[in-house]
């Protein structure tokens, strides 16, 4: 009886993980949302470099277009492992970020 309960619990857990595994489109939307958050959080007055300051100010004026442009510059490798996803993202030659997609969320760490 204990084996049946354990097997039933494992099946329910697998079904939940399968149903909540983020798709490639979900990952793209989450990345764009994070870019938008960073644009909104940037303070132009705190940026010493005038060119960077001008770019951030311009991004704030057209934040959706700027986020879309930045998103297109990020290389993303997505692997669907049925119950979870593996994602690697990198902007240019910057540090790569490795993520696990599970329960509709991305859990990330810089490499």
N, C-alpha and C. Protein backbone atom coordinates (compact mmCIF):
# COMPACT_ATOMS: atom_id res chain seq x y z
N UNK A 1 0.82 -1.20 0.00
CA UNK A 1 0.00 0.00 0.00
C UNK A 1 0.87 1.26 0.00
N UNK A 2 1.96 1.22 0.78
CA UNK A 2 2.86 2.39 0.86
C UNK A 2 3.49 2.68 -0.50
N UNK A 3 3.79 1.64 -1.27
CA UNK A 3 4.38 1.80 -2.60
C UNK A 3 3.39 2.48 -3.54
N UNK A 4 2.10 2.12 -3.45
CA UNK A 4 1.08 2.74 -4.28
C UNK A 4 0.92 4.22 -3.96
N UNK A 5 0.94 4.56 -2.68
CA UNK A 5 0.83 5.97 -2.27
C UNK A 5 2.04 6.76 -2.77
N UNK A 6 3.23 6.19 -2.63
CA UNK A 6 4.45 6.85 -3.09
C UNK A 6 4.41 7.01 -4.61
N UNK A 7 4.00 5.99 -5.33
CA UNK A 7 3.92 6.06 -6.79
C UNK A 7 2.87 7.08 -7.22
N UNK A 8 1.76 7.12 -6.51
CA UNK A 8 0.71 8.11 -6.82
C UNK A 8 1.20 9.53 -6.58
N UNK A 9 1.91 9.73 -5.47
CA UNK A 9 2.48 11.05 -5.17
C UNK A 9 3.48 11.46 -6.24
N UNK A 10 4.34 10.52 -6.66
CA UNK A 10 5.34 10.80 -7.69
C UNK A 10 4.67 11.14 -9.01
N UNK A 11 3.59 10.46 -9.34
CA UNK A 11 2.87 10.74 -10.59
C UNK A 11 2.23 12.12 -10.55
N UNK A 12 1.66 12.48 -9.41
CA UNK A 12 1.04 13.81 -9.27
C UNK A 12 2.11 14.89 -9.37
N UNK A 13 3.25 14.70 -8.71
CA UNK A 13 4.35 15.66 -8.77
C UNK A 13 4.86 15.81 -10.20
N UNK A 14 5.02 14.70 -10.91
CA UNK A 14 5.48 14.74 -12.30
C UNK A 14 4.48 15.49 -13.18
N UNK A 15 3.19 15.27 -12.97
CA UNK A 15 2.16 15.96 -13.75
C UNK A 15 2.20 17.48 -13.49
N UNK A 16 2.41 17.85 -12.21
CA UNK A 16 2.50 19.28 -11.88
C UNK A 16 3.73 19.90 -12.54
N UNK A 17 4.87 19.22 -12.46
CA UNK A 17 6.09 19.74 -13.08
C UNK A 17 5.94 19.85 -14.58
N UNK A 18 5.34 18.84 -15.21
CA UNK A 18 5.12 18.86 -16.65
C UNK A 18 4.23 20.02 -17.05
N UNK A 19 3.14 20.24 -16.30
CA UNK A 19 2.17 21.28 -16.64
C UNK A 19 2.71 22.68 -16.40
N UNK A 20 3.70 22.82 -15.52
CA UNK A 20 4.21 24.16 -15.18
C UNK A 20 5.60 24.42 -15.73
N UNK A 21 6.11 23.53 -16.58
CA UNK A 21 7.42 23.72 -17.19
C UNK A 21 7.35 24.92 -18.14
N UNK A 22 8.17 25.97 -17.90
CA UNK A 22 8.12 27.14 -18.78
C UNK A 22 8.51 26.79 -20.22
N UNK A 23 7.74 27.31 -21.17
CA UNK A 23 8.05 27.11 -22.58
C UNK A 23 9.11 28.12 -23.01
N UNK A 24 9.60 27.97 -24.23
CA UNK A 24 10.59 28.91 -24.76
C UNK A 24 10.00 30.32 -24.83
N UNK A 25 8.71 30.43 -25.18
CA UNK A 25 8.05 31.74 -25.22
C UNK A 25 7.95 32.34 -23.82
N UNK A 26 7.65 31.51 -22.82
CA UNK A 26 7.60 31.98 -21.43
C UNK A 26 8.95 32.52 -20.99
N UNK A 27 10.01 31.82 -21.36
CA UNK A 27 11.36 32.24 -21.00
C UNK A 27 11.67 33.60 -21.64
N UNK A 28 11.35 33.74 -22.93
CA UNK A 28 11.58 35.00 -23.62
C UNK A 28 10.82 36.15 -22.96
N UNK A 29 9.58 35.90 -22.57
CA UNK A 29 8.78 36.92 -21.90
C UNK A 29 9.37 37.29 -20.54
N UNK A 30 9.88 36.30 -19.81
CA UNK A 30 10.48 36.59 -18.50
C UNK A 30 11.78 37.39 -18.66
N UNK A 31 12.56 37.07 -19.69
CA UNK A 31 13.79 37.83 -19.93
C UNK A 31 13.45 39.27 -20.28
N UNK A 32 12.47 39.48 -21.14
CA UNK A 32 12.08 40.84 -21.51
C UNK A 32 11.54 41.60 -20.30
N UNK A 33 10.80 40.93 -19.44
CA UNK A 33 10.29 41.58 -18.22
C UNK A 33 11.44 42.00 -17.32
N UNK A 34 12.47 41.18 -17.21
CA UNK A 34 13.62 41.54 -16.39
C UNK A 34 14.38 42.72 -16.99
N UNK A 35 14.49 42.76 -18.32
CA UNK A 35 15.14 43.89 -18.97
C UNK A 35 14.35 45.17 -18.69
N UNK A 36 13.03 45.10 -18.79
CA UNK A 36 12.19 46.27 -18.50
C UNK A 36 12.37 46.73 -17.05
N UNK A 37 12.46 45.78 -16.11
CA UNK A 37 12.69 46.14 -14.71
C UNK A 37 14.01 46.87 -14.54
N UNK A 38 15.05 46.42 -15.24
CA UNK A 38 16.36 47.06 -15.13
C UNK A 38 16.34 48.45 -15.74
N UNK A 39 15.61 48.63 -16.84
CA UNK A 39 15.48 49.95 -17.44
C UNK A 39 14.78 50.88 -16.47
N UNK A 40 13.69 50.41 -15.88
CA UNK A 40 12.93 51.24 -14.93
C UNK A 40 13.74 51.58 -13.68
N UNK A 41 14.59 50.66 -13.23
CA UNK A 41 15.36 50.86 -12.00
C UNK A 41 16.58 51.75 -12.22
N UNK A 42 17.03 51.89 -13.45
CA UNK A 42 18.25 52.67 -13.73
C UNK A 42 18.01 54.14 -13.41
N UNK A 43 18.98 54.75 -12.74
CA UNK A 43 18.90 56.17 -12.38
C UNK A 43 19.93 56.93 -13.21
N UNK A 44 19.44 57.72 -14.16
CA UNK A 44 20.32 58.45 -15.08
C UNK A 44 21.27 59.37 -14.32
N UNK A 45 20.81 59.96 -13.22
CA UNK A 45 21.63 60.90 -12.45
C UNK A 45 22.83 60.24 -11.79
N UNK A 46 22.78 58.94 -11.57
CA UNK A 46 23.87 58.22 -10.90
C UNK A 46 24.92 57.66 -11.86
N UNK A 47 24.72 57.86 -13.16
CA UNK A 47 25.63 57.32 -14.16
C UNK A 47 26.66 58.38 -14.51
N UNK A 48 27.94 58.06 -14.28
CA UNK A 48 29.02 59.03 -14.50
C UNK A 48 29.35 59.19 -15.98
N UNK A 49 29.33 58.10 -16.75
CA UNK A 49 29.67 58.15 -18.16
C UNK A 49 28.55 58.84 -18.95
N UNK A 50 28.85 59.96 -19.64
CA UNK A 50 27.80 60.70 -20.35
C UNK A 50 27.15 59.90 -21.48
N UNK A 51 27.91 59.07 -22.17
CA UNK A 51 27.34 58.27 -23.25
C UNK A 51 26.37 57.23 -22.68
N UNK A 52 26.79 56.55 -21.62
CA UNK A 52 25.91 55.57 -20.98
C UNK A 52 24.66 56.24 -20.43
N UNK A 53 24.84 57.42 -19.85
CA UNK A 53 23.72 58.17 -19.31
C UNK A 53 22.71 58.52 -20.41
N UNK A 54 23.21 58.93 -21.57
CA UNK A 54 22.34 59.27 -22.69
C UNK A 54 21.61 58.03 -23.20
N UNK A 55 22.30 56.89 -23.27
CA UNK A 55 21.66 55.66 -23.72
C UNK A 55 20.56 55.21 -22.76
N UNK A 56 20.82 55.31 -21.46
CA UNK A 56 19.81 54.92 -20.47
C UNK A 56 18.61 55.86 -20.55
N UNK A 57 18.85 57.17 -20.69
CA UNK A 57 17.75 58.13 -20.81
C UNK A 57 16.92 57.84 -22.05
N UNK A 58 17.58 57.50 -23.15
CA UNK A 58 16.87 57.16 -24.38
C UNK A 58 16.05 55.89 -24.18
N UNK A 59 16.61 54.92 -23.49
CA UNK A 59 15.88 53.67 -23.21
C UNK A 59 14.64 53.95 -22.38
N UNK A 60 14.74 54.86 -21.45
CA UNK A 60 13.59 55.17 -20.60
C UNK A 60 12.46 55.81 -21.41
N UNK A 61 12.81 56.55 -22.47
CA UNK A 61 11.79 57.19 -23.31
C UNK A 61 11.05 56.17 -24.17
N UNK A 62 11.77 55.21 -24.70
CA UNK A 62 11.16 54.17 -25.52
C UNK A 62 11.46 52.81 -24.93
N UNK A 63 10.99 52.58 -23.71
CA UNK A 63 11.40 51.41 -22.95
C UNK A 63 11.03 50.09 -23.60
N UNK A 64 9.86 49.97 -24.20
CA UNK A 64 9.47 48.72 -24.86
C UNK A 64 10.38 48.42 -26.05
N UNK A 65 10.62 49.43 -26.88
CA UNK A 65 11.48 49.24 -28.05
C UNK A 65 12.91 48.93 -27.61
N UNK A 66 13.38 49.61 -26.59
CA UNK A 66 14.72 49.38 -26.08
C UNK A 66 14.84 47.97 -25.50
N UNK A 67 13.85 47.54 -24.73
CA UNK A 67 13.86 46.19 -24.16
C UNK A 67 13.84 45.14 -25.26
N UNK A 68 13.07 45.39 -26.30
CA UNK A 68 13.02 44.46 -27.43
C UNK A 68 14.37 44.38 -28.13
N UNK A 69 15.02 45.53 -28.32
CA UNK A 69 16.34 45.55 -28.95
C UNK A 69 17.36 44.79 -28.10
N UNK A 70 17.37 45.06 -26.80
CA UNK A 70 18.29 44.37 -25.90
C UNK A 70 18.00 42.88 -25.90
N UNK A 71 16.73 42.52 -25.86
CA UNK A 71 16.34 41.09 -25.86
C UNK A 71 16.87 40.39 -27.10
N UNK A 72 16.85 41.08 -28.25
CA UNK A 72 17.36 40.49 -29.49
C UNK A 72 18.88 40.32 -29.47
N UNK A 73 19.57 41.05 -28.60
CA UNK A 73 21.02 40.95 -28.48
C UNK A 73 21.46 39.85 -27.51
N UNK A 74 20.51 39.30 -26.78
CA UNK A 74 20.81 38.25 -25.80
C UNK A 74 20.68 36.89 -26.49
N UNK A 75 21.77 36.12 -26.47
CA UNK A 75 21.69 34.77 -27.03
C UNK A 75 21.15 33.84 -25.94
N UNK A 76 20.14 33.07 -26.31
CA UNK A 76 19.47 32.19 -25.36
C UNK A 76 19.47 30.77 -25.91
N UNK A 77 19.93 29.83 -25.10
CA UNK A 77 19.85 28.41 -25.43
C UNK A 77 18.82 27.80 -24.50
N UNK A 78 17.79 27.20 -25.09
CA UNK A 78 16.68 26.62 -24.33
C UNK A 78 16.63 25.12 -24.59
N UNK A 79 16.56 24.34 -23.51
CA UNK A 79 16.42 22.90 -23.62
C UNK A 79 15.22 22.48 -22.77
N UNK A 80 14.25 21.83 -23.41
CA UNK A 80 13.07 21.34 -22.71
C UNK A 80 13.35 19.91 -22.25
N UNK A 81 13.37 19.70 -20.95
CA UNK A 81 13.61 18.38 -20.38
C UNK A 81 12.33 17.75 -19.82
N UNK A 82 11.20 18.08 -20.39
CA UNK A 82 9.86 17.60 -20.06
C UNK A 82 9.38 18.11 -18.71
N UNK A 83 10.08 17.78 -17.62
CA UNK A 83 9.64 18.22 -16.30
C UNK A 83 10.25 19.56 -15.88
N UNK A 84 11.30 19.97 -16.55
CA UNK A 84 11.93 21.26 -16.27
C UNK A 84 12.68 21.70 -17.53
N UNK A 85 13.08 22.95 -17.56
CA UNK A 85 13.82 23.49 -18.70
C UNK A 85 15.19 23.95 -18.24
N UNK A 86 16.15 23.89 -19.15
CA UNK A 86 17.47 24.45 -18.91
C UNK A 86 17.64 25.63 -19.86
N UNK A 87 18.13 26.75 -19.32
CA UNK A 87 18.29 27.96 -20.12
C UNK A 87 19.66 28.54 -19.84
N UNK A 88 20.32 28.94 -20.91
CA UNK A 88 21.59 29.66 -20.79
C UNK A 88 21.43 30.94 -21.58
N UNK A 89 21.75 32.07 -20.97
CA UNK A 89 21.60 33.37 -21.63
C UNK A 89 22.88 34.17 -21.49
N UNK A 90 23.21 34.92 -22.57
CA UNK A 90 24.42 35.72 -22.54
C UNK A 90 24.22 36.94 -23.43
N UNK A 91 24.59 38.10 -22.91
CA UNK A 91 24.54 39.35 -23.67
C UNK A 91 25.96 39.66 -24.16
N UNK A 92 26.16 39.55 -25.46
CA UNK A 92 27.47 39.82 -26.04
C UNK A 92 28.53 38.92 -25.46
N UNK A 93 29.66 39.53 -25.05
CA UNK A 93 30.75 38.78 -24.44
C UNK A 93 30.67 38.79 -22.92
N UNK A 94 29.54 39.24 -22.38
CA UNK A 94 29.37 39.33 -20.93
C UNK A 94 29.26 37.95 -20.31
N UNK A 95 29.12 37.92 -19.00
CA UNK A 95 29.02 36.63 -18.31
C UNK A 95 27.72 35.90 -18.69
N UNK A 96 27.82 34.60 -18.79
CA UNK A 96 26.65 33.78 -19.09
C UNK A 96 25.83 33.57 -17.81
N UNK A 97 24.56 33.40 -17.99
CA UNK A 97 23.66 33.10 -16.88
C UNK A 97 23.01 31.75 -17.17
N UNK A 98 23.05 30.86 -16.19
CA UNK A 98 22.46 29.54 -16.32
C UNK A 98 21.20 29.49 -15.47
N UNK A 99 20.11 28.97 -16.05
CA UNK A 99 18.83 28.94 -15.34
C UNK A 99 18.17 27.58 -15.46
N UNK A 100 17.35 27.27 -14.48
CA UNK A 100 16.48 26.10 -14.50
C UNK A 100 15.06 26.65 -14.48
N UNK A 101 14.24 26.21 -15.41
CA UNK A 101 12.84 26.62 -15.45
C UNK A 101 11.99 25.53 -14.82
N UNK A 102 11.31 25.89 -13.75
CA UNK A 102 10.48 24.91 -13.04
C UNK A 102 9.35 25.67 -12.34
N UNK A 103 8.17 25.07 -12.33
CA UNK A 103 7.00 25.67 -11.68
C UNK A 103 6.77 27.09 -12.19
N UNK A 104 6.83 27.28 -13.50
CA UNK A 104 6.61 28.53 -14.23
C UNK A 104 7.64 29.62 -13.94
N UNK A 105 8.70 29.32 -13.21
CA UNK A 105 9.70 30.32 -12.84
C UNK A 105 11.06 29.94 -13.38
N UNK A 106 11.91 30.96 -13.47
CA UNK A 106 13.31 30.74 -13.82
C UNK A 106 14.15 30.98 -12.58
N UNK A 107 14.95 29.99 -12.23
CA UNK A 107 15.89 30.11 -11.13
C UNK A 107 17.26 30.19 -11.75
N UNK A 108 17.94 31.34 -11.58
CA UNK A 108 19.17 31.61 -12.33
C UNK A 108 20.36 31.87 -11.42
N UNK A 109 21.55 31.64 -12.02
CA UNK A 109 22.81 32.00 -11.38
C UNK A 109 23.79 32.41 -12.47
N UNK A 110 24.63 33.36 -12.16
CA UNK A 110 25.67 33.80 -13.11
C UNK A 110 26.79 32.78 -13.13
N UNK A 111 27.37 32.59 -14.30
CA UNK A 111 28.49 31.66 -14.43
C UNK A 111 29.80 32.42 -14.45
